Amino acid sequence: MHGDDFRGPNGPDLDGSPLAGERTVVVGGGVGGLATAPYLAAMGADVTVIERNDDLGGVATRTEGEGFRFDAGPSWYLMPDVFERYFAHFDREPGDFYDLERLDPHYRIHWKDGAEVAVPDDPEAVAERFESYESGAGEAFRAYLDEAAETYRIGMERFVYEDRPRLRDWVDLDVVRSARGLTFLGSMQDHAADYFDHPKLRQLVQYTLVFLGGAPHNTPALYNLMAHVDFELGVFYPENGIYSLVEALRDLGREHGVTFRTGETVTAIEPGSPATVTTECDRHRTDRVVCNANPAHVERDLLPARARRQDDDYWADRTYAPSAFMLYLGVEGDVAPLEHHTLILPEDWDPHFETIFDEPSWPEDPAYYVNVPSLTDDDAAPEGHHTVVVLVPIAPGLDDGPEVRERFREQVLADLTTHTGVDLRGRIEFEETACVSEFAEWVNAPRGTALGLAHTLRQTGPLRPGHRGGADELYYVGGYTTPGIGLPMCLISAEHTANAVREDATTQSLLPGLTSE
């Protein structure tokens, strides 16, 4: 257990059977849907999860071939306290399903001017690294971490673990008092500049914004809490990869009687008493529908107009997080000096962010991430080989036809050779790619975003889609809802959705005539 981490208030009340006799269909078997299903089943519901793809997990799926195994989506295991908290609600712990290895170093950064740094699993050692770049930066880093830890504590306690779906929930007097400890306004770019002058140090405390689908100039300074996540809570690797979490959630669901139907595409949702979920091969009558499919797709393509909360213009006007150009490579031979997690960054990354958020185009000088899980996990690749995943954030909606993909592939592999000394060309034995088109196909992602809605100021907190839909029987869960993007946030989103269902079921049981038939 991570005793120094904030574990938050109690989760959903699983005592009793508030949903006894009810049927619930979860549309989408991504992490949010998989995490919600055990909660509802433990409350007494008969739960069925319907997933269009052959495998569960959504974007957190797995791809394999010729002895190589890849996590196709998320590859960072952060915020271990959130995973512990989730499983504790069921009197379980992550170790019941998978083992964790704490990574040291957390990651390595190669800058394109030739500088590099490995970030150790020791905040004091990191402070010394900062001091070596800039006099006084070590003490500034300690102060930055102190603020980040306090932001994390207050933010998680009052604004993440507590669902506040309406603006008026944020003007509660206790919330206002708590908010004094947070910096809501202003950008992360300006906030980092208050502490550090050296551009590399600013990048070190801001790169995690990519995990949130934002850029330094458009992400609220509130997210300085990610520094606490990055430098103090640790970076981990679950045995057999991130897909172990998907398997754990599936197994937990089965323990509570959840039914899983894969390879079945939902074509329509009709709210009512009962509601109807129509697929290509069946019609499911149900009391409640929880959508882990993203709300833009659900409202545009699956719901009748009367059950939509937003119109097409709303979804067209959202700021979507980046898509990604991804290479899944099985390679022969050594890949040193790459680490399990490696970042390759230009000294000035603003032009790359501009190609994502301001003037969508393929980046000329990309910042990108390389994941080599086989350095930690011997089973991820055959002996003498490595699994290498290259991820370049790009603007959603870009044309990603074969010619532009091939050109960009060559550009990135050449760039990797130049700036790390690792030339993968000529020794690739297995290769798959994913880009805008695949994310749009796998999970119906708007404009092929790989993450969802970016965490801009107007898409944070109550300004993100909530957990209740436009009909009494309809709910949402996942990274498009509060609290937001990432595996830990999807687990917390599941908790919020389960609480909403329980509250509504309890209210309906007290009001005759509103119970499901």
Protein backbone atom coordinates (compact mmCIF):
# COMPACT_ATOMS: atom_id res chain seq x y z
CA MET A 1 0.00 0.00 0.00
CA HIS A 2 1.09 3.58 -0.58
CA GLY A 3 0.41 5.02 2.85
CA ASP A 4 1.50 8.57 2.02
CA ASP A 5 -0.90 8.82 -0.92
CA PHE A 6 -4.35 10.35 -0.64
CA ARG A 7 -6.90 7.56 -0.89
CA GLY A 8 -9.99 9.73 -0.77
CA PRO A 9 -13.43 9.27 0.79
CA ASN A 10 -15.34 6.02 0.77
CA GLY A 11 -16.50 4.73 -2.58
CA PRO A 12 -19.97 3.55 -3.64
CA ASP A 13 -22.05 1.86 -0.98
CA LEU A 14 -22.16 -1.78 -2.05
CA ASP A 15 -24.17 -2.94 0.97
CA GLY A 16 -27.72 -3.99 0.35
CA SER A 17 -29.24 -4.49 -3.09
CA PRO A 18 -30.61 -1.18 -4.38
CA LEU A 19 -30.57 -2.52 -7.95
CA ALA A 20 -31.97 -5.98 -7.18
CA GLY A 21 -34.09 -7.22 -10.06
CA GLU A 22 -32.85 -4.52 -12.43
CA ARG A 23 -31.15 -5.09 -15.76
CA THR A 24 -28.30 -2.86 -16.90
CA VAL A 25 -26.55 -2.82 -20.27
CA VAL A 26 -23.09 -1.26 -20.44
CA VAL A 27 -22.38 -0.11 -23.99
CA GLY A 28 -18.63 -0.33 -24.55
CA GLY A 29 -16.06 -2.57 -22.91
CA GLY A 30 -13.34 0.01 -22.37
CA VAL A 31 -11.79 0.55 -18.96
CA GLY A 32 -14.60 2.85 -17.80
CA GLY A 33 -17.32 0.36 -18.71
CA LEU A 34 -15.40 -2.60 -17.32
CA ALA A 35 -14.84 -0.75 -14.05
CA THR A 36 -18.50 0.28 -13.71
CA ALA A 37 -19.94 -3.19 -14.30
CA PRO A 38 -18.70 -4.80 -11.02
CA TYR A 39 -20.08 -1.90 -8.97
CA LEU A 40 -23.56 -2.26 -10.45
CA ALA A 41 -23.50 -6.06 -10.24
CA ALA A 42 -22.45 -5.86 -6.58
CA MET A 43 -25.51 -3.63 -6.01
CA GLY A 44 -27.74 -6.39 -7.33
CA ALA A 45 -28.15 -5.56 -11.02
CA ASP A 46 -28.06 -8.11 -13.82
CA VAL A 47 -25.28 -6.51 -15.90
CA THR A 48 -24.33 -7.17 -19.52
CA VAL A 49 -21.37 -5.47 -21.17
CA ILE A 50 -21.58 -5.18 -24.97
CA GLU A 51 -18.35 -4.49 -26.87
CA ARG A 52 -18.18 -4.04 -30.64
CA ASN A 53 -14.61 -5.31 -30.95
CA ASP A 54 -13.59 -8.91 -30.48
CA ASP A 55 -11.47 -8.02 -27.44
CA LEU A 56 -12.32 -5.97 -24.36
CA GLY A 57 -10.39 -2.86 -23.38
CA GLY A 58 -11.34 -0.18 -25.91
CA VAL A 59 -8.17 1.78 -26.73
CA ALA A 60 -6.45 -0.17 -23.93
CA THR A 61 -6.35 -3.26 -26.08
CA ARG A 62 -3.41 -5.52 -26.93
CA THR A 63 -1.83 -6.49 -30.23
CA GLU A 64 0.39 -9.55 -30.77
CA GLY A 65 2.30 -11.19 -33.57
CA GLU A 66 5.35 -13.40 -34.19
CA GLY A 67 6.11 -13.64 -30.49
CA PHE A 68 5.86 -9.89 -29.83
CA ARG A 69 3.24 -8.43 -27.47
CA PHE A 70 2.23 -4.77 -27.30
CA ASP A 71 -0.15 -2.64 -25.28
CA ALA A 72 -1.86 -0.87 -28.17
CA GLY A 73 -2.96 2.14 -26.14
CA PRO A 74 -2.05 3.35 -22.64
CA SER A 75 1.39 2.26 -21.46
CA TRP A 76 1.98 4.31 -18.27
CA TYR A 77 0.80 2.99 -14.89
CA LEU A 78 0.58 6.09 -12.68
CA MET A 79 -1.33 7.04 -9.51
CA PRO A 80 -1.16 3.58 -7.89
CA ASP A 81 -3.29 4.84 -4.99
CA VAL A 82 -6.29 5.11 -7.33
CA PHE A 83 -5.99 1.47 -8.44
CA GLU A 84 -5.63 0.32 -4.83
CA ARG A 85 -8.66 2.34 -3.84
CA TYR A 86 -10.79 0.90 -6.64
CA PHE A 87 -10.05 -2.74 -5.84
CA ALA A 88 -10.39 -2.11 -2.09
CA HIS A 89 -14.08 -1.35 -2.68
CA PHE A 90 -14.41 -5.06 -3.46
CA ASP A 91 -12.09 -6.17 -0.62
CA ARG A 92 -9.43 -6.90 -3.19
CA GLU A 93 -6.10 -5.36 -4.17
CA PRO A 94 -4.20 -5.09 -7.45
CA GLY A 95 -1.80 -7.81 -6.31
CA ASP A 96 -4.68 -10.29 -6.40
CA PHE A 97 -4.63 -9.89 -10.20
CA TYR A 98 -1.18 -8.69 -11.25
CA ASP A 99 2.23 -7.79 -9.82
CA LEU A 100 3.77 -4.35 -10.19
CA GLU A 101 7.36 -3.38 -10.84
CA ARG A 102 8.44 0.13 -9.89
CA LEU A 103 10.57 1.64 -12.64
CA ASP A 104 13.91 3.32 -11.98
CA PRO A 105 14.57 5.49 -13.85
CA HIS A 106 11.03 6.60 -14.49
CA TYR A 107 12.03 7.58 -18.02
CA ARG A 108 14.85 9.06 -20.09
CA ILE A 109 14.69 12.27 -22.12
CA HIS A 110 16.79 12.88 -25.22
CA TRP A 111 16.77 16.49 -26.37
CA LYS A 112 17.56 17.13 -29.98
CA ASP A 113 20.50 19.37 -29.11
CA GLY A 114 22.29 16.27 -27.79
CA ALA A 115 21.50 16.69 -24.08
CA GLU A 116 19.87 13.84 -22.19
CA VAL A 117 18.78 13.01 -18.69
CA ALA A 118 17.44 9.91 -16.92
CA VAL A 119 14.83 10.83 -14.31
CA PRO A 120 15.46 8.69 -11.21
CA ASP A 121 12.91 7.27 -8.79
CA ASP A 122 14.04 9.69 -6.08
CA PRO A 123 12.73 13.29 -5.89
CA GLU A 124 15.85 14.47 -4.08
CA ALA A 125 18.04 13.11 -6.87
CA VAL A 126 15.77 14.87 -9.36
CA ALA A 127 16.24 18.13 -7.45
CA GLU A 128 19.99 17.71 -7.85
CA ARG A 129 19.51 17.24 -11.59
CA PHE A 130 17.51 20.48 -11.69
CA GLU A 131 20.22 22.33 -9.75
CA SER A 132 22.80 21.20 -12.30
CA TYR A 133 20.87 23.06 -15.01
CA GLU A 134 20.15 26.28 -13.13
CA SER A 135 21.34 27.76 -9.84
CA GLY A 136 18.51 27.67 -7.31
CA ALA A 137 16.41 25.29 -9.44
CA GLY A 138 16.81 22.45 -6.93
CA GLU A 139 15.09 24.45 -4.20
CA ALA A 140 12.54 25.74 -6.71
CA PHE A 141 11.79 22.12 -7.68
CA ARG A 142 11.22 21.18 -4.03
CA ALA A 143 8.83 24.11 -3.65
CA TYR A 144 7.08 23.17 -6.89
CA LEU A 145 6.62 19.60 -5.63
CA ASP A 146 5.27 20.82 -2.28
CA GLU A 147 2.66 22.86 -4.11
CA ALA A 148 1.90 19.99 -6.47
CA ALA A 149 1.40 17.58 -3.55
CA GLU A 150 -1.01 19.98 -1.87
CA THR A 151 -2.85 20.54 -5.15
CA TYR A 152 -3.09 16.77 -5.56
CA ARG A 153 -4.46 16.30 -2.04
CA ILE A 154 -7.06 19.07 -2.30
CA GLY A 155 -7.87 18.37 -5.92
CA MET A 156 -8.41 14.66 -5.41
CA GLU A 157 -10.35 15.11 -2.17
CA ARG A 158 -12.70 17.89 -3.23
CA PHE A 159 -12.79 17.90 -7.02
CA VAL A 160 -11.95 14.42 -8.32
CA TYR A 161 -13.26 11.83 -5.85
CA GLU A 162 -16.31 14.05 -5.21
CA ASP A 163 -18.40 14.40 -8.34
CA ARG A 164 -19.59 17.99 -8.82
CA PRO A 165 -21.54 17.87 -12.08
CA ARG A 166 -23.16 21.34 -11.88
CA LEU A 167 -21.60 24.78 -11.69
CA ARG A 168 -23.54 25.53 -8.53
CA ASP A 169 -21.84 22.57 -6.85
CA TRP A 170 -18.57 24.50 -7.17
CA VAL A 171 -19.79 27.56 -5.24
CA ASP A 172 -20.37 25.55 -2.07
CA LEU A 173 -18.66 27.44 0.79
CA ASP A 174 -16.45 24.48 1.72
CA VAL A 175 -15.41 24.10 -1.90
CA VAL A 176 -14.55 27.79 -2.15
CA ARG A 177 -12.37 27.47 0.94
CA SER A 178 -10.62 24.44 -0.56
CA ALA A 179 -10.12 26.21 -3.86
CA ARG A 180 -7.86 28.75 -2.17
CA GLY A 181 -5.24 26.03 -2.21
CA LEU A 182 -5.56 25.57 -5.96
CA THR A 183 -4.51 27.66 -8.93
CA PHE A 184 -7.38 27.37 -11.39
CA LEU A 185 -6.71 30.23 -13.75
CA GLY A 186 -3.64 30.78 -15.85
CA SER A 187 -1.83 28.22 -17.94
CA MET A 188 0.70 25.56 -17.02
CA GLN A 189 3.12 27.37 -19.32
CA ASP A 190 2.98 30.52 -17.19
CA HIS A 191 2.95 28.56 -13.95
CA ALA A 192 6.16 26.66 -14.80
CA ALA A 193 7.80 29.94 -15.79
CA ASP A 194 7.18 31.26 -12.28
CA TYR A 195 9.55 28.58 -10.95
CA PHE A 196 12.12 27.88 -13.65
CA ASP A 197 13.98 29.91 -16.28
CA HIS A 198 15.70 27.05 -18.09
CA PRO A 199 13.48 25.80 -20.96
CA LYS A 200 14.46 22.16 -20.37
CA LEU A 201 13.32 22.35 -16.75
CA ARG A 202 10.00 23.81 -17.85
CA GLN A 203 9.59 20.92 -20.24
CA LEU A 204 10.38 18.41 -17.48
CA VAL A 205 7.47 19.63 -15.34
CA GLN A 206 5.06 19.99 -18.27
CA TYR A 207 5.50 16.96 -20.53
CA THR A 208 2.86 14.97 -18.61
CA LEU A 209 0.25 17.33 -20.04
CA VAL A 210 0.35 15.16 -23.16
CA PHE A 211 -1.28 12.44 -21.03
CA LEU A 212 -4.17 14.87 -20.48
CA GLY A 213 -4.48 15.69 -24.14
CA GLY A 214 -3.40 19.29 -23.70
CA ALA A 215 -0.55 21.70 -24.32
CA PRO A 216 1.25 24.00 -21.86
CA HIS A 217 -0.51 27.08 -23.23
CA ASN A 218 -4.08 25.71 -22.99
CA THR A 219 -4.02 23.50 -19.87
CA PRO A 220 -5.01 25.09 -16.54
CA ALA A 221 -2.27 25.49 -13.93
CA LEU A 222 -4.39 23.25 -11.67
CA TYR A 223 -2.69 20.33 -13.41
CA ASN A 224 0.62 21.06 -11.74
CA LEU A 225 -0.60 18.18 -9.55
CA MET A 226 0.81 15.91 -12.28
CA ALA A 227 4.30 16.70 -10.96
CA HIS A 228 3.38 14.95 -7.71
CA VAL A 229 2.11 12.01 -9.75
CA ASP A 230 5.24 11.93 -11.89
CA PHE A 231 8.05 12.55 -9.42
CA GLU A 232 6.66 11.29 -6.08
CA LEU A 233 4.02 8.59 -6.54
CA GLY A 234 6.19 6.52 -8.86
CA VAL A 235 5.98 4.98 -12.31
CA PHE A 236 5.07 1.28 -12.46
CA TYR A 237 4.75 -1.57 -14.91
CA PRO A 238 2.10 -4.24 -14.33
CA GLU A 239 3.08 -7.83 -15.00
CA ASN A 240 2.25 -8.65 -18.66
CA GLY A 241 1.50 -5.02 -19.42
CA ILE A 242 -1.38 -2.61 -19.05
CA TYR A 243 -3.75 -5.17 -20.53
CA SER A 244 -3.45 -6.97 -17.19
CA LEU A 245 -5.73 -4.26 -15.80
CA VAL A 246 -8.33 -5.02 -18.48
CA GLU A 247 -8.16 -8.71 -17.60
CA ALA A 248 -8.42 -7.89 -13.89
CA LEU A 249 -11.56 -5.81 -14.41
CA ARG A 250 -13.06 -8.55 -16.58
CA ASP A 251 -12.30 -11.19 -13.94
CA LEU A 252 -13.70 -9.00 -11.17
CA GLY A 253 -16.87 -8.54 -13.21
CA ARG A 254 -17.22 -12.27 -13.75
CA GLU A 255 -16.87 -12.85 -10.00
CA HIS A 256 -19.95 -10.65 -9.55
CA GLY A 257 -21.94 -12.25 -12.36
CA VAL A 258 -21.35 -9.76 -15.20
CA THR A 259 -21.97 -11.09 -18.72
CA PHE A 260 -19.65 -10.00 -21.53
CA ARG A 261 -20.67 -9.98 -25.19
CA THR A 262 -17.89 -9.10 -27.63
CA GLY A 263 -17.98 -8.66 -31.40
CA GLU A 264 -21.46 -7.15 -31.14
CA THR A 265 -22.04 -3.61 -32.41
CA VAL A 266 -24.75 -1.43 -30.85
CA THR A 267 -26.78 0.32 -33.54
CA ALA A 268 -29.44 2.15 -31.49
CA ILE A 269 -30.41 3.04 -27.94
CA GLU A 270 -34.05 3.80 -27.17
CA PRO A 271 -34.62 5.13 -23.62
CA GLY A 272 -37.82 4.16 -21.86
CA SER A 273 -39.27 1.83 -19.25
CA PRO A 274 -37.77 -0.51 -20.22
CA ALA A 275 -35.09 0.90 -22.48
CA THR A 276 -33.93 -0.97 -25.58
CA VAL A 277 -30.39 -1.46 -26.79
CA THR A 278 -30.36 -2.75 -30.36
CA THR A 279 -27.32 -4.47 -31.82
CA GLU A 280 -26.58 -6.02 -35.19
CA CYS A 281 -27.84 -9.35 -33.93
CA ASP A 282 -30.14 -8.78 -30.93
CA ARG A 283 -32.40 -6.45 -28.95
CA HIS A 284 -31.72 -6.05 -25.23
CA ARG A 285 -34.50 -4.79 -22.97
CA THR A 286 -33.01 -3.12 -19.94
CA ASP A 287 -33.83 -0.83 -17.04
CA ARG A 288 -30.68 1.30 -17.39
CA VAL A 289 -28.02 1.95 -20.01
CA VAL A 290 -24.48 2.99 -19.12
CA CYS A 291 -22.54 4.26 -22.13
CA ASN A 292 -18.78 3.82 -22.10
CA ALA A 293 -18.96 4.60 -25.80
CA ASN A 294 -18.09 8.29 -26.11
CA PRO A 295 -21.06 10.66 -25.75
CA ALA A 296 -20.40 12.39 -29.08
CA HIS A 297 -20.93 9.08 -30.91
CA VAL A 298 -23.85 8.05 -28.70
CA GLU A 299 -25.73 11.31 -29.16
CA ARG A 300 -25.03 11.68 -32.85
CA ASP A 301 -25.48 8.08 -33.96
CA LEU A 302 -27.38 5.99 -31.41
CA LEU A 303 -29.96 8.11 -29.54
CA PRO A 304 -33.26 9.63 -30.65
CA ALA A 305 -33.19 13.45 -30.69
CA ARG A 306 -35.29 13.74 -27.54
CA ALA A 307 -32.63 11.98 -25.44
CA ARG A 308 -29.67 14.08 -26.59
CA ARG A 309 -28.15 16.63 -24.24
CA GLN A 310 -26.18 18.46 -26.94
CA ASP A 311 -26.56 19.15 -30.65
CA ASP A 312 -24.05 18.50 -33.41
CA ASP A 313 -22.67 22.05 -33.18
CA TYR A 314 -21.66 21.43 -29.56
CA TRP A 315 -19.60 18.37 -30.44
CA ALA A 316 -18.10 20.05 -33.49
CA ASP A 317 -16.96 22.94 -31.28
CA ARG A 318 -15.13 20.82 -28.69
CA THR A 319 -11.34 20.84 -28.36
CA TYR A 320 -10.30 17.26 -28.87
CA ALA A 321 -7.11 15.81 -27.48
CA PRO A 322 -4.43 14.71 -29.93
CA SER A 323 -4.63 11.67 -32.10
CA ALA A 324 -1.43 9.68 -32.48
CA PHE A 325 0.79 8.20 -35.14
CA MET A 326 1.87 4.87 -33.68
CA LEU A 327 4.37 2.23 -34.74
CA TYR A 328 4.35 -1.21 -33.11
CA LEU A 329 7.72 -2.71 -33.97
CA GLY A 330 9.25 -6.07 -33.17
CA VAL A 331 12.99 -5.61 -33.65
CA GLU A 332 16.07 -7.78 -33.45
CA GLY A 333 19.05 -6.75 -31.33
CA ASP A 334 19.91 -4.12 -28.75
CA VAL A 335 18.08 -0.81 -28.30
CA ALA A 336 20.34 0.93 -25.74
CA PRO A 337 20.27 3.69 -24.58
CA LEU A 338 16.45 3.59 -24.76
CA GLU A 339 14.70 2.98 -21.43
CA HIS A 340 11.31 1.41 -20.75
CA HIS A 341 9.94 4.96 -21.26
CA THR A 342 11.88 7.43 -23.42
CA LEU A 343 10.97 10.92 -24.64
CA ILE A 344 12.61 12.64 -27.62
CA LEU A 345 12.02 16.38 -27.44
CA PRO A 346 13.04 19.39 -29.55
CA GLU A 347 14.41 22.28 -27.55
CA ASP A 348 11.38 24.31 -28.66
CA TRP A 349 8.26 22.21 -28.73
CA ASP A 350 5.80 25.06 -29.32
CA PRO A 351 5.72 24.51 -33.12
CA HIS A 352 4.66 20.89 -32.58
CA PHE A 353 1.83 21.89 -30.22
CA GLU A 354 0.76 24.52 -32.76
CA THR A 355 0.35 21.79 -35.39
CA ILE A 356 -1.97 19.97 -32.96
CA PHE A 357 -4.16 22.76 -31.60
CA ASP A 358 -3.76 25.87 -33.76
CA GLU A 359 -2.94 24.98 -37.37
CA PRO A 360 -3.53 21.23 -37.79
CA SER A 361 -0.77 19.63 -39.83
CA TRP A 362 1.90 16.96 -39.64
CA PRO A 363 4.79 18.20 -37.42
CA GLU A 364 8.11 18.96 -39.09
CA ASP A 365 10.15 18.57 -35.89
CA PRO A 366 8.10 16.22 -33.72
CA ALA A 367 8.23 15.56 -30.00
CA TYR A 368 7.51 11.89 -29.42
CA TYR A 369 7.56 8.96 -27.01
CA VAL A 370 9.16 5.51 -27.29
CA ASN A 371 8.04 2.59 -25.12
CA VAL A 372 10.19 -0.57 -24.83
CA PRO A 373 8.34 -2.86 -22.38
CA SER A 374 10.60 -5.80 -23.24
CA LEU A 375 13.36 -4.09 -21.24
CA THR A 376 11.25 -4.89 -18.16
CA ASP A 377 9.17 -7.84 -19.33
CA ASP A 378 11.07 -10.77 -20.89
CA ASP A 379 7.82 -12.27 -22.17
CA ALA A 380 7.02 -9.24 -24.34
CA ALA A 381 9.46 -10.32 -27.08
CA PRO A 382 11.44 -13.37 -28.21
CA GLU A 383 14.94 -13.74 -26.83
CA GLY A 384 17.38 -11.32 -28.45
CA HIS A 385 14.54 -9.05 -29.60
CA HIS A 386 12.55 -6.10 -28.28
CA THR A 387 9.07 -4.67 -28.58
CA VAL A 388 9.25 -0.98 -29.47
CA VAL A 389 6.23 1.34 -29.59
CA VAL A 390 6.69 4.81 -31.07
CA LEU A 391 3.94 7.38 -30.38
CA VAL A 392 3.86 10.82 -31.99
CA PRO A 393 1.01 13.12 -30.89
CA ILE A 394 -0.68 14.67 -33.93
CA ALA A 395 -3.77 16.74 -34.60
CA PRO A 396 -7.06 14.84 -34.71
CA GLY A 397 -8.73 14.78 -38.07
CA LEU A 398 -5.58 14.76 -40.21
CA ASP A 399 -5.56 12.90 -43.51
CA ASP A 400 -3.55 9.75 -42.74
CA GLY A 401 -3.50 7.95 -46.05
CA PRO A 402 -0.80 5.40 -46.95
CA GLU A 403 1.56 7.87 -48.62
CA VAL A 404 1.65 10.36 -45.76
CA ARG A 405 2.02 7.54 -43.23
CA GLU A 406 4.99 6.07 -45.06
CA ARG A 407 6.67 9.45 -45.40
CA PHE A 408 6.17 10.23 -41.71
CA ARG A 409 7.34 6.76 -40.67
CA GLU A 410 10.63 7.29 -42.47
CA GLN A 411 10.95 10.76 -40.94
CA VAL A 412 10.44 9.51 -37.39
CA LEU A 413 12.73 6.50 -37.67
CA ALA A 414 15.47 8.71 -39.11
CA ASP A 415 14.92 11.24 -36.33
CA LEU A 416 15.18 8.49 -33.71
CA THR A 417 18.48 7.37 -35.20
CA THR A 418 19.87 10.89 -35.26
CA HIS A 419 18.95 11.83 -31.72
CA THR A 420 19.34 8.56 -29.78
CA GLY A 421 21.75 6.57 -31.92
CA VAL A 422 19.23 3.73 -32.16
CA ASP A 423 18.65 2.73 -35.78
CA LEU A 424 15.75 0.29 -36.00
CA ARG A 425 15.67 0.21 -39.78
CA GLY A 426 16.80 -3.03 -41.34
CA ARG A 427 16.03 -5.16 -38.28
CA ILE A 428 12.26 -4.84 -37.95
CA GLU A 429 10.64 -8.30 -37.98
CA PHE A 430 7.11 -7.32 -37.06
CA GLU A 431 5.28 -4.06 -37.73
CA GLU A 432 1.81 -2.62 -37.32
CA THR A 433 0.68 1.00 -37.35
CA ALA A 434 -2.24 2.96 -35.95
CA CYS A 435 -3.30 6.52 -36.62
CA VAL A 436 -6.34 8.76 -36.93
CA SER A 437 -8.31 6.25 -38.99
CA GLU A 438 -7.79 3.38 -36.56
CA PHE A 439 -8.87 5.38 -33.50
CA ALA A 440 -11.99 6.47 -35.36
CA GLU A 441 -12.69 2.83 -36.26
CA TRP A 442 -11.80 1.12 -32.96
CA VAL A 443 -13.86 3.31 -30.67
CA ASN A 444 -15.80 5.74 -32.90
CA ALA A 445 -13.54 8.52 -31.64
CA PRO A 446 -14.52 11.96 -32.96
CA ARG A 447 -11.96 13.06 -35.55
CA GLY A 448 -9.87 10.06 -34.57
CA THR A 449 -8.72 11.50 -31.23
CA ALA A 450 -6.68 8.99 -29.26
CA LEU A 451 -7.69 10.36 -25.85
CA GLY A 452 -11.00 12.24 -25.90
CA LEU A 453 -11.76 15.79 -24.81
CA ALA A 454 -8.68 17.85 -23.98
CA HIS A 455 -8.38 19.26 -20.46
CA THR A 456 -8.70 22.89 -21.46
CA LEU A 457 -10.15 25.40 -18.98
CA ARG A 458 -13.59 25.23 -20.59
CA GLN A 459 -13.52 21.40 -20.61
CA THR A 460 -12.50 20.82 -16.99
CA GLY A 461 -14.67 19.98 -13.98
CA PRO A 462 -18.38 20.77 -14.46
CA LEU A 463 -17.66 21.96 -18.02
CA ARG A 464 -16.97 18.36 -19.11
CA PRO A 465 -19.90 16.06 -19.90
CA GLY A 466 -21.48 14.65 -16.75
CA HIS A 467 -22.52 11.12 -15.85
CA ARG A 468 -26.28 11.46 -16.31
CA GLY A 469 -27.64 11.44 -19.83
CA GLY A 470 -30.58 13.14 -21.47
CA ALA A 471 -33.02 10.47 -20.27
CA ASP A 472 -33.63 9.05 -16.80
CA GLU A 473 -32.36 5.63 -17.83
CA LEU A 474 -29.15 6.86 -19.49
CA TYR A 475 -25.66 7.33 -18.00
CA TYR A 476 -22.13 7.96 -19.25
CA VAL A 477 -18.73 6.83 -18.03
CA GLY A 478 -15.15 7.13 -19.26
CA GLY A 479 -12.52 9.64 -20.28
CA TYR A 480 -14.95 12.03 -22.00
CA THR A 481 -16.75 12.59 -18.68
CA THR A 482 -15.54 13.91 -15.35
CA PRO A 483 -12.95 13.69 -13.97
CA GLY A 484 -11.24 13.12 -17.33
CA ILE A 485 -8.57 11.35 -19.35
CA GLY A 486 -6.41 8.44 -18.21
CA LEU A 487 -6.75 4.99 -16.66
CA PRO A 488 -6.99 6.26 -13.05
CA MET A 489 -9.61 8.84 -14.03
CA CYS A 490 -11.67 6.18 -15.79
CA LEU A 491 -11.74 4.14 -12.58
CA ILE A 492 -12.95 7.19 -10.67
CA SER A 493 -15.47 7.98 -13.40
CA ALA A 494 -16.87 4.47 -12.90
CA GLU A 495 -17.29 5.22 -9.21
CA HIS A 496 -19.18 8.45 -9.98
CA THR A 497 -21.45 6.72 -12.46
CA ALA A 498 -22.20 3.90 -10.02
CA ASN A 499 -23.04 6.46 -7.34
CA ALA A 500 -25.37 8.28 -9.72
CA VAL A 501 -27.18 5.03 -10.57
CA ARG A 502 -27.51 4.11 -6.91
CA GLU A 503 -28.84 7.56 -5.97
CA ASP A 504 -31.40 7.48 -8.77
CA ALA A 505 -32.51 3.94 -7.94
CA THR A 506 -32.96 4.88 -4.29
CA THR A 507 -34.98 7.98 -5.20
CA GLN A 508 -37.18 6.04 -7.60
CA SER A 509 -37.88 3.36 -5.02
CA LEU A 510 -39.24 6.07 -2.72
CA LEU A 511 -41.48 7.57 -5.41
CA PRO A 512 -44.24 5.18 -6.55
CA GLY A 513 -44.84 5.21 -10.27
CA LEU A 514 -41.22 5.89 -11.17
CA THR A 515 -39.92 2.37 -10.71
CA SER A 516 -39.13 0.32 -13.80
CA GLU A 517 -41.72 -2.10 -15.01
